[in-house]
Protein backbone atom coordinates (compact mmCIF):
# COMPACT_ATOMS: atom_id res chain seq x y z
CA UNK A 1 198.37 82.22 -113.04
CA UNK A 2 198.96 78.50 -113.63
CA UNK A 3 200.05 77.83 -117.21
CA UNK A 4 198.29 75.02 -119.08
CA UNK A 5 199.49 73.01 -122.06
CA UNK A 6 196.77 70.99 -123.75
CA UNK A 7 197.97 67.94 -125.68
CA UNK A 8 195.91 65.98 -128.19
CA UNK A 9 197.48 62.69 -129.39
CA UNK A 10 196.12 62.02 -132.84
CA UNK A 11 196.15 59.12 -135.30
CA UNK A 12 193.81 59.26 -138.31
CA UNK A 13 191.22 61.20 -136.31
CA UNK A 14 189.89 63.54 -139.00
CA UNK A 15 186.33 62.43 -138.26
CA UNK A 16 186.35 63.93 -134.76
CA UNK A 17 189.41 66.18 -134.49
CA UNK A 18 187.71 69.37 -135.65
CA UNK A 19 184.94 68.94 -133.05
CA UNK A 20 187.57 68.21 -130.41
CA UNK A 21 189.71 71.27 -131.17
CA UNK A 22 186.76 73.61 -131.62
CA UNK A 23 185.67 72.65 -128.10
CA UNK A 24 189.14 73.52 -126.83
CA UNK A 25 189.09 76.90 -128.57
CA UNK A 26 185.70 77.61 -126.96
CA UNK A 27 186.95 77.07 -123.39
CA UNK A 28 186.22 79.74 -120.81
CA UNK A 29 189.83 79.29 -119.71
CA UNK A 30 191.89 78.90 -122.88
CA UNK A 31 195.03 76.76 -122.59
CA UNK A 32 198.28 78.68 -122.95
CA UNK A 33 199.31 76.32 -125.75
CA UNK A 34 197.51 73.65 -127.77
CA UNK A 35 199.65 70.92 -129.27
CA UNK A 36 198.40 68.14 -131.55
CA UNK A 37 200.79 65.21 -131.84
CA UNK A 38 200.25 63.54 -135.21
CA UNK A 39 201.27 59.90 -134.78
CA UNK A 40 202.16 59.42 -138.45
CA UNK A 41 198.55 59.49 -139.61
CA UNK A 42 197.49 59.57 -143.25
CA UNK A 43 194.01 61.12 -143.25
CA UNK A 44 194.74 64.84 -143.10
CA UNK A 45 194.26 65.27 -139.35
CA UNK A 46 197.39 67.41 -139.10
CA UNK A 47 195.99 69.81 -141.71
CA UNK A 48 192.86 70.29 -139.59
CA UNK A 49 195.01 71.14 -136.57
CA UNK A 50 197.09 73.58 -138.65
CA UNK A 51 193.95 75.23 -140.01
CA UNK A 52 192.64 75.83 -136.47
CA UNK A 53 195.92 77.43 -135.37
CA UNK A 54 197.24 74.60 -133.22
CA UNK A 55 200.88 73.63 -133.07
CA UNK A 56 201.47 70.24 -134.66
CA UNK A 57 204.21 67.83 -133.65
CA UNK A 58 204.66 65.19 -136.35
CA UNK A 59 206.09 61.79 -135.41
CA UNK A 60 208.02 60.09 -138.23
CA UNK A 61 206.46 56.67 -137.56
CA UNK A 62 203.38 55.39 -135.78
CA UNK A 63 204.43 54.61 -132.21
CA UNK A 64 201.17 54.53 -130.26
CA UNK A 65 199.32 56.84 -127.92
CA UNK A 66 201.88 56.66 -125.09
CA UNK A 67 204.67 57.82 -127.40
CA UNK A 68 202.44 60.61 -128.72
CA UNK A 69 201.66 61.81 -125.19
CA UNK A 70 205.34 61.66 -124.22
CA UNK A 71 206.26 63.68 -127.30
CA UNK A 72 203.60 66.23 -126.41
CA UNK A 73 205.02 66.64 -122.91
CA UNK A 74 208.50 67.13 -124.36
CA UNK A 75 207.27 69.88 -126.71
CA UNK A 76 205.33 71.90 -124.13
CA UNK A 77 206.20 74.01 -121.09
CA UNK A 78 202.97 74.43 -119.09
CA UNK A 79 202.87 73.77 -115.36
CA UNK A 80 199.75 71.69 -115.96
CA UNK A 81 199.40 69.19 -118.80
CA UNK A 82 195.84 68.64 -119.99
CA UNK A 83 195.65 65.42 -122.00
CA UNK A 84 192.65 65.23 -124.32
CA UNK A 85 191.82 62.41 -126.71
CA UNK A 86 191.03 63.41 -130.28
CA UNK A 87 187.56 61.83 -130.07
CA UNK A 88 186.42 63.94 -127.09
CA UNK A 89 184.82 67.40 -127.21
CA UNK A 90 185.03 69.23 -123.89
CA UNK A 91 182.32 71.18 -122.14
CA UNK A 92 183.24 74.89 -122.19
CA UNK A 93 184.25 74.98 -118.50
CA UNK A 94 186.29 71.75 -118.42
CA UNK A 95 189.79 73.28 -118.42
CA UNK A 96 188.82 76.02 -115.97
CA UNK A 97 187.30 73.51 -113.56
CA UNK A 98 190.31 71.18 -113.73
CA UNK A 99 192.74 74.02 -113.03
CA UNK A 100 190.56 75.29 -110.16
CA UNK A 101 190.65 71.89 -108.46
CA UNK A 102 194.43 71.67 -108.78
CA UNK A 103 194.94 75.23 -107.54
CA UNK A 104 192.63 74.70 -104.56
CA UNK A 105 194.57 71.68 -103.25
CA UNK A 106 198.35 71.45 -103.82
CA UNK A 107 198.24 67.80 -102.69
CA UNK A 108 196.19 66.82 -105.74
CA UNK A 109 198.45 66.20 -108.70
CA UNK A 110 195.95 64.88 -111.21
CA UNK A 111 192.31 65.54 -112.07
CA UNK A 112 190.40 63.58 -114.67
CA UNK A 113 186.83 63.66 -115.83
CA UNK A 114 183.80 61.81 -117.13
CA UNK A 115 181.86 61.53 -120.37
CA UNK A 116 178.46 63.01 -121.06
CA UNK A 117 175.64 60.55 -121.67
CA UNK A 118 175.23 61.80 -125.26
CA UNK A 119 177.84 60.60 -127.79
CA UNK A 120 179.86 63.07 -129.82
CA UNK A 121 178.57 61.41 -133.02
CA UNK A 122 175.66 58.98 -132.73
CA UNK A 123 176.66 55.75 -134.46
CA UNK A 124 174.07 53.38 -133.07
CA UNK A 125 173.44 50.88 -130.27
CA UNK A 126 176.93 49.43 -129.81
CA UNK A 127 178.28 52.92 -129.22
CA UNK A 128 175.47 53.63 -126.76
CA UNK A 129 176.38 50.43 -124.89
CA UNK A 130 180.02 51.46 -124.66
CA UNK A 131 179.27 55.03 -123.68
CA UNK A 132 176.71 54.29 -120.97
CA UNK A 133 178.97 51.66 -119.43
CA UNK A 134 181.87 54.11 -119.36
CA UNK A 135 179.73 56.89 -117.89
CA UNK A 136 178.28 54.68 -115.18
CA UNK A 137 181.48 53.18 -113.84
CA UNK A 138 183.27 56.52 -113.73
CA UNK A 139 180.40 58.30 -112.01
CA UNK A 140 180.31 55.48 -109.47
CA UNK A 141 183.86 56.30 -108.38
CA UNK A 142 183.70 60.12 -108.23
CA UNK A 143 186.12 61.54 -105.65
CA UNK A 144 189.65 60.56 -104.75
CA UNK A 145 190.74 57.52 -106.75
CA UNK A 146 193.80 55.37 -107.44
CA UNK A 147 193.79 55.51 -111.22
CA UNK A 148 193.63 57.94 -114.12
CA UNK A 149 192.06 57.72 -117.57
CA UNK A 150 193.95 60.01 -119.91
CA UNK A 151 191.06 60.76 -122.29
CA UNK A 152 190.43 64.04 -120.44
CA UNK A 153 192.92 64.56 -117.62
CA UNK A 154 194.90 67.47 -116.17
CA UNK A 155 198.18 66.58 -114.46
CA UNK A 156 200.81 68.74 -112.82
CA UNK A 157 204.06 68.57 -114.78
CA UNK A 158 205.98 67.91 -111.55
CA UNK A 159 203.79 64.86 -110.85
CA UNK A 160 204.45 63.56 -114.37
CA UNK A 161 208.16 64.07 -113.87
CA UNK A 162 208.15 62.09 -110.63
CA UNK A 163 206.14 59.22 -112.08
CA UNK A 164 208.20 59.07 -115.27
CA UNK A 165 207.33 58.66 -118.93
CA UNK A 166 204.41 56.63 -120.17
CA UNK A 167 205.37 53.10 -121.19
CA UNK A 168 205.67 53.21 -124.97
CA UNK A 169 205.72 49.41 -125.25
CA UNK A 170 202.03 49.32 -124.25
CA UNK A 171 199.39 49.91 -126.91
CA UNK A 172 196.59 49.03 -124.49
CA UNK A 173 196.12 49.51 -120.74
CA UNK A 174 198.82 52.19 -120.71
CA UNK A 175 196.68 54.24 -118.33
CA UNK A 176 196.36 51.28 -115.93
CA UNK A 177 200.12 50.82 -115.83
CA UNK A 178 200.82 54.51 -115.40
CA UNK A 179 198.26 54.84 -112.62
CA UNK A 180 200.21 52.36 -110.51
CA UNK A 181 203.20 54.72 -110.69
CA UNK A 182 201.39 58.04 -110.46
CA UNK A 183 199.27 57.12 -107.41
CA UNK A 184 202.43 56.48 -105.40
CA UNK A 185 203.51 60.11 -105.85
CA UNK A 186 200.33 62.16 -105.73
CA UNK A 187 196.61 62.18 -105.08
CA UNK A 188 194.23 61.70 -108.01
CA UNK A 189 190.69 63.07 -108.24
CA UNK A 190 187.91 61.93 -110.56
CA UNK A 191 185.30 64.65 -111.02
CA UNK A 192 182.17 65.31 -113.07
CA UNK A 193 183.15 68.99 -113.18
CA UNK A 194 185.48 68.02 -116.05
CA UNK A 195 183.36 66.48 -118.79
CA UNK A 196 183.03 66.04 -122.52
CA UNK A 197 181.22 64.18 -125.26
CA UNK A 198 182.98 61.07 -126.54
CA UNK A 199 182.86 59.24 -129.86
CA UNK A 200 182.99 55.59 -128.77
CA UNK A 201 183.59 52.45 -130.81
CA UNK A 202 180.43 51.44 -132.63
CA UNK A 203 181.15 48.09 -134.31
CA UNK A 204 180.59 44.92 -132.32
CA UNK A 205 183.57 42.77 -133.35
CA UNK A 206 186.18 45.55 -133.02
CA UNK A 207 184.77 46.31 -129.55
CA UNK A 208 185.25 42.66 -128.56
CA UNK A 209 188.74 42.68 -130.09
CA UNK A 210 189.68 45.75 -128.05
CA UNK A 211 188.36 44.10 -124.89
CA UNK A 212 190.52 41.05 -125.62
CA UNK A 213 193.66 43.16 -126.05
CA UNK A 214 192.96 45.05 -122.84
CA UNK A 215 192.17 41.91 -120.84
CA UNK A 216 195.40 40.06 -121.61
CA UNK A 217 197.81 42.35 -119.67
CA UNK A 218 195.51 43.07 -116.71
CA UNK A 219 196.76 40.27 -114.45
CA UNK A 220 200.48 41.08 -115.04
CA UNK A 221 199.73 44.77 -114.45
CA UNK A 222 197.86 43.95 -111.24
CA UNK A 223 200.87 41.97 -110.01
CA UNK A 224 203.19 44.88 -110.87
CA UNK A 225 200.88 47.27 -109.00
CA UNK A 226 201.01 45.05 -105.92
CA UNK A 227 204.81 44.91 -106.08
CA UNK A 228 204.98 48.72 -106.14
CA UNK A 229 202.74 48.91 -103.10
CA UNK A 230 200.20 51.03 -104.99
CA UNK A 231 196.50 50.73 -104.26
CA UNK A 232 194.34 48.74 -106.67
CA UNK A 233 192.72 50.74 -109.47
CA UNK A 234 188.96 51.18 -109.59
CA UNK A 235 186.95 48.44 -111.27
CA UNK A 236 185.05 49.19 -114.45
CA UNK A 237 182.92 46.09 -113.92
CA UNK A 238 181.18 44.45 -110.99
CA UNK A 239 183.28 41.75 -109.35
CA UNK A 240 180.10 39.71 -108.86
CA UNK A 241 179.34 39.99 -112.58
CA UNK A 242 182.82 38.85 -113.55
CA UNK A 243 182.57 35.90 -111.15
CA UNK A 244 179.10 34.94 -112.44
CA UNK A 245 180.32 35.00 -116.04
CA UNK A 246 183.45 32.99 -115.19
CA UNK A 247 181.42 30.34 -113.35
CA UNK A 248 178.88 30.15 -116.20
CA UNK A 249 181.69 29.48 -118.67
CA UNK A 250 183.29 26.92 -116.36
CA UNK A 251 179.97 25.10 -115.85
CA UNK A 252 178.95 25.07 -119.50
CA UNK A 253 180.55 21.63 -120.19
CA UNK A 254 178.28 20.08 -117.54
CA UNK A 255 175.53 19.93 -120.15
CA UNK A 256 177.60 17.44 -122.13
CA UNK A 257 177.06 14.91 -119.34
CA UNK A 258 173.37 15.62 -118.79
CA UNK A 259 171.30 18.16 -120.74
CA UNK A 260 169.47 19.17 -117.58
CA UNK A 261 172.75 20.51 -116.20
CA UNK A 262 172.67 23.29 -118.80
CA UNK A 263 170.37 24.92 -116.26
CA UNK A 264 173.42 25.67 -114.09
CA UNK A 265 175.09 28.14 -116.50
CA UNK A 266 171.64 29.56 -117.32
CA UNK A 267 171.10 30.35 -113.65
CA UNK A 268 174.57 31.86 -113.45
CA UNK A 269 173.81 34.07 -116.45
CA UNK A 270 170.72 35.22 -114.59
CA UNK A 271 172.95 36.10 -111.65
CA UNK A 272 175.21 38.02 -114.04
CA UNK A 273 172.27 40.10 -115.27
CA UNK A 274 171.30 41.24 -111.75
CA UNK A 275 174.84 41.40 -110.33
CA UNK A 276 175.06 45.17 -110.82
CA UNK A 277 171.58 46.58 -110.09
CA UNK A 278 172.82 50.20 -110.15
CA UNK A 279 174.00 49.71 -113.74
CA UNK A 280 170.65 48.18 -114.72
CA UNK A 281 168.73 51.09 -113.23
CA UNK A 282 171.02 53.64 -114.87
CA UNK A 283 170.67 52.15 -118.36
CA UNK A 284 166.93 51.71 -117.94
CA UNK A 285 166.59 55.34 -116.90
CA UNK A 286 168.66 56.58 -119.84
CA UNK A 287 167.35 54.39 -122.67
CA UNK A 288 164.35 52.34 -121.54
CA UNK A 289 163.63 48.61 -121.11
CA UNK A 290 164.22 47.38 -124.68
CA UNK A 291 167.68 48.92 -124.83
CA UNK A 292 168.47 47.63 -121.34
CA UNK A 293 167.87 44.07 -122.58
CA UNK A 294 170.15 44.72 -125.56
CA UNK A 295 172.74 46.34 -123.29
CA UNK A 296 172.92 43.27 -121.03
CA UNK A 297 173.29 40.91 -124.00
CA UNK A 298 176.26 42.89 -125.29
CA UNK A 299 177.59 43.24 -121.73
CA UNK A 300 177.56 39.44 -121.38
CA UNK A 301 179.46 38.99 -124.66
CA UNK A 302 182.05 41.55 -123.52
CA UNK A 303 182.43 39.75 -120.20
CA UNK A 304 182.95 36.40 -121.93
CA UNK A 305 185.87 37.96 -123.81
CA UNK A 306 187.11 39.69 -120.65
CA UNK A 307 187.08 36.51 -118.55
CA UNK A 308 188.72 34.46 -121.32
CA UNK A 309 191.42 37.12 -121.77
CA UNK A 310 192.10 37.23 -118.02
CA UNK A 311 192.45 33.44 -117.98
CA UNK A 312 194.84 33.41 -120.95
CA UNK A 313 196.86 36.28 -119.48
CA UNK A 314 197.12 34.42 -116.17
CA UNK A 315 198.31 31.25 -117.90
CA UNK A 316 200.99 33.19 -119.74
CA UNK A 317 202.22 34.63 -116.44
CA UNK A 318 202.34 31.16 -114.89
CA UNK A 319 204.31 29.89 -117.88
CA UNK A 320 206.71 32.82 -117.63
CA UNK A 321 205.80 34.32 -121.00
CA UNK A 322 204.73 37.84 -121.96
CA UNK A 323 201.13 38.83 -121.42
């Protein structure tokens, strides 16, 4: 039987860690070992892991999620590594389904999953925005893909070895960078047979701040992916929506010359709203018309930050500086 090591990187995650680990202990196919890597947290998360009988690896200083995952790999022996974020609670069959997919096709080296439409802890509308967006774009790409999201992912140890360690210099977009290496060596499958409930960010300004941090390195990472000859990762957002938002921002100064020209960015914002009709229908079906209007307002704000971050990251590349 294939041996499985489940690794939970953890930093001050006491709010969700118990729910996460209890879901692991309730799996129909229990992992052979469960390791929580405490990234020098201070909120008692490690004590929760100890209480539930998990092995805890304590890092002496906070080094980020990539370092925590690397440390977990070093302290485990399973043929399959199941990475699970501390804010995700798995469905009972998630591990069994992931292992079954890997065992059925030796050419698949990595399987990762999707979130349920219900949050792990309901913290309000911003969280619902984040969660529904995440659910929709992942479901849209079900099947063989070019990228992996490590929040709930099972990877053969041999595939990890070939692709190398996660880049510990990256605090954001580490999964994007690693995907460009992993996809060269093995096939990756995204499946809704591996699923869990996620506790998403629920405060507006921190969500925008995270989007800014993730947007800055995307252009340099895309260039690195092209140099490696790896296929482009799947898009979380509609290209048409990104273009509409970028053009609306670019055209906004036109109104300074003639107030009537403010109609141009207004029209472009309208294009943005309808650029991804599948997303609109999905949100409307899940939460109704009033929330759909709220969703699109937040979505526009997130895209403004995304487009601005991409532009700044591109300028830094052109000037030869770090992203």
